[in-house]
N, C-alpha and C. Protein backbone atom coordinates (compact mmCIF):
# COMPACT_ATOMS: atom_id res chain seq x y z
N MET A 1 0.84 -1.17 0.00
CA MET A 1 0.00 0.00 0.00
C MET A 1 0.88 1.24 0.00
N LYS A 2 0.53 2.21 -0.81
CA LYS A 2 1.29 3.45 -0.92
C LYS A 2 0.55 4.58 -0.23
N VAL A 3 1.34 5.45 0.39
CA VAL A 3 0.79 6.62 1.07
C VAL A 3 0.51 7.69 0.04
N GLY A 4 -0.63 8.35 0.15
CA GLY A 4 -0.98 9.44 -0.76
C GLY A 4 -1.27 10.71 0.00
N GLY A 5 -1.74 11.71 -0.71
CA GLY A 5 -2.04 12.99 -0.07
C GLY A 5 -0.83 13.88 -0.03
N GLY A 6 -0.78 14.76 0.94
CA GLY A 6 0.33 15.70 1.05
C GLY A 6 0.96 15.63 2.43
N LEU A 7 2.08 16.34 2.58
CA LEU A 7 2.75 16.46 3.87
C LEU A 7 2.58 17.88 4.36
N SER A 8 2.43 18.05 5.64
CA SER A 8 2.24 19.40 6.19
C SER A 8 3.44 19.80 7.04
N ASP A 9 3.44 21.05 7.47
CA ASP A 9 4.51 21.55 8.32
C ASP A 9 4.49 20.93 9.71
N THR A 10 3.49 20.12 10.01
CA THR A 10 3.47 19.45 11.30
C THR A 10 4.57 18.38 11.41
N LEU A 11 5.25 18.09 10.32
CA LEU A 11 6.41 17.19 10.39
C LEU A 11 7.42 17.70 11.39
N ALA A 12 7.52 19.01 11.52
CA ALA A 12 8.48 19.61 12.45
C ALA A 12 8.17 19.25 13.90
N ASP A 13 6.97 18.79 14.17
CA ASP A 13 6.58 18.43 15.54
C ASP A 13 7.21 17.12 16.02
N PHE A 14 7.78 16.34 15.11
CA PHE A 14 8.48 15.12 15.51
C PHE A 14 9.83 15.53 16.08
N SER A 15 9.88 15.73 17.38
CA SER A 15 11.02 16.41 18.00
C SER A 15 12.27 15.55 18.18
N SER A 16 12.20 14.24 17.99
CA SER A 16 13.40 13.43 18.18
C SER A 16 13.71 12.51 17.01
N ILE A 17 12.95 12.60 15.95
CA ILE A 17 13.14 11.70 14.80
C ILE A 17 14.39 12.07 14.01
N GLN A 18 15.14 11.06 13.58
CA GLN A 18 16.38 11.30 12.84
C GLN A 18 16.30 10.87 11.38
N LEU A 19 15.43 9.93 11.05
CA LEU A 19 15.32 9.45 9.68
C LEU A 19 13.84 9.47 9.27
N MET A 20 13.57 10.07 8.13
CA MET A 20 12.23 10.04 7.54
C MET A 20 12.37 9.57 6.10
N ASP A 21 11.71 8.48 5.79
CA ASP A 21 11.75 7.94 4.44
C ASP A 21 10.32 7.80 3.92
N PHE A 22 9.93 8.73 3.07
CA PHE A 22 8.61 8.72 2.44
C PHE A 22 8.72 8.33 0.97
N SER A 23 9.83 7.73 0.57
CA SER A 23 10.07 7.44 -0.84
C SER A 23 9.10 6.39 -1.38
N ASN A 24 8.93 6.43 -2.71
CA ASN A 24 8.12 5.46 -3.45
C ASN A 24 6.67 5.41 -2.98
N ASN A 25 6.05 6.57 -2.91
CA ASN A 25 4.64 6.66 -2.55
C ASN A 25 3.91 7.51 -3.58
N HIS A 26 2.77 8.01 -3.23
CA HIS A 26 1.97 8.87 -4.11
C HIS A 26 1.73 10.22 -3.43
N ILE A 27 2.73 10.71 -2.71
CA ILE A 27 2.58 11.96 -1.98
C ILE A 27 2.71 13.11 -2.97
N SER A 28 1.80 14.05 -2.89
CA SER A 28 1.79 15.17 -3.83
C SER A 28 1.81 16.49 -3.07
N GLY A 29 1.77 17.57 -3.83
CA GLY A 29 1.81 18.90 -3.23
C GLY A 29 3.23 19.41 -3.16
N THR A 30 3.46 20.36 -2.30
CA THR A 30 4.78 20.97 -2.18
C THR A 30 5.54 20.39 -1.00
N ILE A 31 6.84 20.61 -1.01
CA ILE A 31 7.68 20.16 0.10
C ILE A 31 7.38 21.03 1.32
N PRO A 32 7.19 20.43 2.48
CA PRO A 32 6.91 21.23 3.68
C PRO A 32 8.02 22.24 3.97
N GLN A 33 7.64 23.39 4.51
CA GLN A 33 8.60 24.45 4.83
C GLN A 33 9.38 24.15 6.10
N ALA A 34 8.83 23.33 6.98
CA ALA A 34 9.47 23.06 8.27
C ALA A 34 9.76 21.58 8.42
N LEU A 35 10.94 21.29 8.94
CA LEU A 35 11.37 19.91 9.18
C LEU A 35 11.81 19.78 10.63
N PRO A 36 11.80 18.55 11.16
CA PRO A 36 12.29 18.37 12.53
C PRO A 36 13.76 18.80 12.64
N SER A 37 14.10 19.47 13.72
CA SER A 37 15.48 19.95 13.88
C SER A 37 16.46 18.81 14.10
N THR A 38 15.97 17.62 14.42
CA THR A 38 16.82 16.46 14.70
C THR A 38 17.06 15.57 13.49
N ILE A 39 16.42 15.87 12.36
CA ILE A 39 16.48 14.99 11.19
C ILE A 39 17.90 14.91 10.63
N ARG A 40 18.34 13.70 10.31
CA ARG A 40 19.66 13.48 9.71
C ARG A 40 19.54 13.00 8.27
N ASN A 41 18.53 12.17 8.01
CA ASN A 41 18.31 11.61 6.68
C ASN A 41 16.85 11.82 6.29
N LEU A 42 16.65 12.43 5.12
CA LEU A 42 15.30 12.69 4.64
C LEU A 42 15.18 12.24 3.19
N SER A 43 14.25 11.32 2.93
CA SER A 43 14.01 10.88 1.57
C SER A 43 12.55 11.11 1.21
N LEU A 44 12.36 11.96 0.21
CA LEU A 44 11.04 12.23 -0.36
C LEU A 44 11.02 11.81 -1.82
N SER A 45 11.97 10.98 -2.22
CA SER A 45 12.12 10.61 -3.63
C SER A 45 10.98 9.72 -4.12
N SER A 46 10.80 9.75 -5.43
CA SER A 46 9.81 8.92 -6.14
C SER A 46 8.39 9.13 -5.60
N ASN A 47 7.99 10.38 -5.63
CA ASN A 47 6.63 10.77 -5.26
C ASN A 47 6.10 11.69 -6.35
N ARG A 48 5.21 12.58 -5.99
CA ARG A 48 4.62 13.51 -6.95
C ARG A 48 4.70 14.95 -6.45
N PHE A 49 5.80 15.28 -5.76
CA PHE A 49 5.96 16.64 -5.26
C PHE A 49 6.13 17.60 -6.43
N THR A 50 5.51 18.76 -6.33
CA THR A 50 5.58 19.78 -7.37
C THR A 50 6.08 21.09 -6.78
N GLY A 51 6.29 22.06 -7.66
CA GLY A 51 6.72 23.38 -7.22
C GLY A 51 8.21 23.46 -7.04
N ASN A 52 8.64 24.55 -6.45
CA ASN A 52 10.06 24.80 -6.22
C ASN A 52 10.53 24.14 -4.94
N ILE A 53 11.84 23.95 -4.85
CA ILE A 53 12.44 23.63 -3.55
C ILE A 53 12.38 24.94 -2.78
N PRO A 54 11.71 24.99 -1.65
CA PRO A 54 11.47 26.27 -0.97
C PRO A 54 12.76 26.99 -0.58
N PHE A 55 12.87 28.27 -0.98
CA PHE A 55 14.01 29.09 -0.58
C PHE A 55 14.00 29.31 0.92
N THR A 56 12.82 29.28 1.51
CA THR A 56 12.70 29.54 2.94
C THR A 56 12.79 28.28 3.78
N LEU A 57 13.01 27.14 3.13
CA LEU A 57 13.12 25.89 3.87
C LEU A 57 14.31 25.97 4.80
N SER A 58 14.07 25.73 6.04
CA SER A 58 15.13 25.74 7.04
C SER A 58 15.63 24.32 7.22
N PHE A 59 16.71 24.00 6.54
CA PHE A 59 17.28 22.67 6.66
C PHE A 59 17.98 22.54 8.01
N PRO A 60 17.76 21.44 8.72
CA PRO A 60 18.51 21.21 9.96
C PRO A 60 20.00 21.11 9.66
N SER A 61 20.83 21.70 10.49
CA SER A 61 22.27 21.77 10.20
C SER A 61 22.94 20.40 10.23
N ASP A 62 22.37 19.41 10.90
CA ASP A 62 22.97 18.08 10.96
C ASP A 62 22.49 17.14 9.86
N LEU A 63 21.72 17.65 8.91
CA LEU A 63 21.22 16.81 7.81
C LEU A 63 22.40 16.27 7.01
N SER A 64 22.46 14.93 6.85
CA SER A 64 23.57 14.34 6.10
C SER A 64 23.14 13.79 4.74
N GLU A 65 21.87 13.39 4.60
CA GLU A 65 21.38 12.88 3.32
C GLU A 65 20.02 13.49 3.01
N LEU A 66 19.90 14.02 1.78
CA LEU A 66 18.65 14.61 1.32
C LEU A 66 18.35 14.07 -0.07
N SER A 67 17.25 13.34 -0.20
CA SER A 67 16.87 12.74 -1.48
C SER A 67 15.51 13.28 -1.91
N LEU A 68 15.53 14.06 -2.99
CA LEU A 68 14.31 14.64 -3.55
C LEU A 68 14.12 14.20 -5.00
N GLY A 69 14.86 13.20 -5.43
CA GLY A 69 14.84 12.75 -6.81
C GLY A 69 13.52 12.13 -7.23
N ASN A 70 13.29 12.14 -8.54
CA ASN A 70 12.13 11.51 -9.18
C ASN A 70 10.80 12.06 -8.67
N ASN A 71 10.69 13.37 -8.75
CA ASN A 71 9.46 14.08 -8.45
C ASN A 71 9.16 15.01 -9.62
N LEU A 72 8.40 16.04 -9.39
CA LEU A 72 8.09 17.03 -10.42
C LEU A 72 8.51 18.41 -9.96
N LEU A 73 9.61 18.49 -9.21
CA LEU A 73 10.10 19.76 -8.70
C LEU A 73 10.63 20.60 -9.85
N SER A 74 10.34 21.90 -9.81
CA SER A 74 10.72 22.78 -10.92
C SER A 74 11.41 24.03 -10.38
N GLY A 75 11.85 24.86 -11.32
CA GLY A 75 12.52 26.11 -10.94
C GLY A 75 14.00 25.88 -10.72
N GLU A 76 14.62 26.83 -10.04
CA GLU A 76 16.05 26.76 -9.77
C GLU A 76 16.31 26.16 -8.40
N ILE A 77 17.51 25.62 -8.24
CA ILE A 77 17.93 25.12 -6.93
C ILE A 77 18.23 26.33 -6.05
N PRO A 78 17.65 26.40 -4.86
CA PRO A 78 17.88 27.56 -4.00
C PRO A 78 19.33 27.65 -3.54
N ASP A 79 19.77 28.85 -3.25
CA ASP A 79 21.15 29.09 -2.83
C ASP A 79 21.23 29.18 -1.31
N ASN A 80 20.76 28.15 -0.63
CA ASN A 80 20.81 28.16 0.83
C ASN A 80 21.38 26.86 1.40
N PHE A 81 22.25 26.22 0.65
CA PHE A 81 22.81 24.95 1.10
C PHE A 81 24.04 25.11 1.99
N GLN A 82 24.59 26.32 2.11
CA GLN A 82 25.79 26.52 2.91
C GLN A 82 25.59 26.13 4.37
N GLN A 83 24.35 26.17 4.85
CA GLN A 83 24.07 25.80 6.24
C GLN A 83 24.17 24.29 6.48
N LEU A 84 24.26 23.51 5.41
CA LEU A 84 24.30 22.05 5.53
C LEU A 84 25.74 21.55 5.57
N SER A 85 26.44 21.87 6.62
CA SER A 85 27.87 21.57 6.71
C SER A 85 28.16 20.08 6.84
N LYS A 86 27.16 19.25 7.12
CA LYS A 86 27.37 17.81 7.27
C LYS A 86 26.75 17.00 6.14
N LEU A 87 26.26 17.66 5.10
CA LEU A 87 25.60 16.96 4.00
C LEU A 87 26.61 16.13 3.21
N THR A 88 26.33 14.83 3.07
CA THR A 88 27.20 13.94 2.30
C THR A 88 26.56 13.48 1.00
N LYS A 89 25.21 13.48 0.94
CA LYS A 89 24.51 13.01 -0.26
C LYS A 89 23.34 13.95 -0.56
N LEU A 90 23.28 14.40 -1.82
CA LEU A 90 22.18 15.24 -2.28
C LEU A 90 21.70 14.70 -3.62
N ASP A 91 20.46 14.23 -3.66
CA ASP A 91 19.88 13.68 -4.88
C ASP A 91 18.70 14.55 -5.31
N LEU A 92 18.89 15.26 -6.42
CA LEU A 92 17.84 16.09 -7.01
C LEU A 92 17.51 15.61 -8.42
N SER A 93 17.88 14.38 -8.74
CA SER A 93 17.74 13.85 -10.10
C SER A 93 16.28 13.68 -10.51
N SER A 94 16.08 13.64 -11.82
CA SER A 94 14.78 13.33 -12.44
C SER A 94 13.66 14.21 -11.93
N ASN A 95 13.89 15.51 -12.02
CA ASN A 95 12.88 16.52 -11.74
C ASN A 95 12.79 17.42 -12.97
N VAL A 96 12.35 18.63 -12.81
CA VAL A 96 12.27 19.59 -13.91
C VAL A 96 13.03 20.85 -13.50
N LEU A 97 14.14 20.67 -12.80
CA LEU A 97 14.94 21.80 -12.31
C LEU A 97 15.73 22.40 -13.46
N GLU A 98 15.99 23.70 -13.36
CA GLU A 98 16.72 24.41 -14.41
C GLU A 98 17.65 25.44 -13.79
N GLY A 99 18.39 26.12 -14.64
CA GLY A 99 19.32 27.13 -14.16
C GLY A 99 20.70 26.55 -13.96
N ARG A 100 21.37 27.02 -12.91
CA ARG A 100 22.73 26.58 -12.60
C ARG A 100 22.80 26.07 -11.17
N LEU A 101 23.86 25.34 -10.89
CA LEU A 101 24.09 24.96 -9.50
C LEU A 101 24.43 26.22 -8.72
N PRO A 102 23.83 26.44 -7.58
CA PRO A 102 24.08 27.67 -6.82
C PRO A 102 25.48 27.69 -6.21
N PRO A 103 26.05 28.88 -6.01
CA PRO A 103 27.39 28.99 -5.43
C PRO A 103 27.53 28.31 -4.07
N SER A 104 26.47 28.28 -3.28
CA SER A 104 26.56 27.68 -1.95
C SER A 104 26.90 26.19 -2.00
N MET A 105 26.65 25.53 -3.12
CA MET A 105 27.00 24.11 -3.24
C MET A 105 28.51 23.91 -3.19
N GLY A 106 29.25 24.89 -3.64
CA GLY A 106 30.70 24.81 -3.59
C GLY A 106 31.26 24.85 -2.18
N GLU A 107 30.45 25.24 -1.22
CA GLU A 107 30.87 25.32 0.17
C GLU A 107 30.60 24.03 0.95
N LEU A 108 30.07 23.03 0.29
CA LEU A 108 29.72 21.77 0.96
C LEU A 108 30.93 20.84 0.97
N ALA A 109 31.80 21.02 1.94
CA ALA A 109 33.06 20.28 2.00
C ALA A 109 32.86 18.79 2.24
N THR A 110 31.77 18.39 2.86
CA THR A 110 31.54 16.97 3.16
C THR A 110 30.73 16.24 2.09
N LEU A 111 30.25 16.96 1.08
CA LEU A 111 29.41 16.36 0.04
C LEU A 111 30.21 15.34 -0.77
N LYS A 112 29.73 14.10 -0.78
CA LYS A 112 30.38 13.02 -1.52
C LYS A 112 29.58 12.62 -2.76
N ILE A 113 28.26 12.73 -2.69
CA ILE A 113 27.39 12.32 -3.80
C ILE A 113 26.45 13.46 -4.14
N LEU A 114 26.51 13.91 -5.39
CA LEU A 114 25.60 14.92 -5.91
C LEU A 114 25.01 14.38 -7.20
N ASN A 115 23.69 14.19 -7.22
CA ASN A 115 23.02 13.65 -8.40
C ASN A 115 21.98 14.66 -8.87
N VAL A 116 22.25 15.28 -10.01
CA VAL A 116 21.31 16.23 -10.62
C VAL A 116 20.94 15.79 -12.04
N ALA A 117 21.13 14.50 -12.33
CA ALA A 117 20.84 13.96 -13.67
C ALA A 117 19.36 14.10 -14.01
N ASN A 118 19.08 14.16 -15.30
CA ASN A 118 17.71 14.18 -15.83
C ASN A 118 16.89 15.37 -15.33
N ASN A 119 17.47 16.54 -15.48
CA ASN A 119 16.78 17.80 -15.22
C ASN A 119 16.89 18.64 -16.49
N LEU A 120 16.68 19.92 -16.40
CA LEU A 120 16.75 20.80 -17.57
C LEU A 120 17.96 21.73 -17.53
N PHE A 121 19.06 21.30 -16.93
CA PHE A 121 20.27 22.13 -16.85
C PHE A 121 20.93 22.22 -18.20
């Protein structure tokens, strides 16, 4: 059974959760603006998320893996990744993203895997 519907900003209320994996479902709508401050790994891949990656999204500083691949995300990648000093994996593949990689990505010293394949770059 696959989860459908949308996700709300109430995700931030999970005050001690470290891993959230919502991948391979039928979740639609936009990415929530608020995330738990304790989250380390977040996977929203292979869903039906639309819209931009929110510029106002406050990523937790300890986030190490972020997977948003295989959705319908569009627009440019926001230039607010410098706060993610522990990010090792970023998957934005198979969306409808365009533009250029933002300068803040160059500041991610711990980033080992960056996947932006199958977009409109």
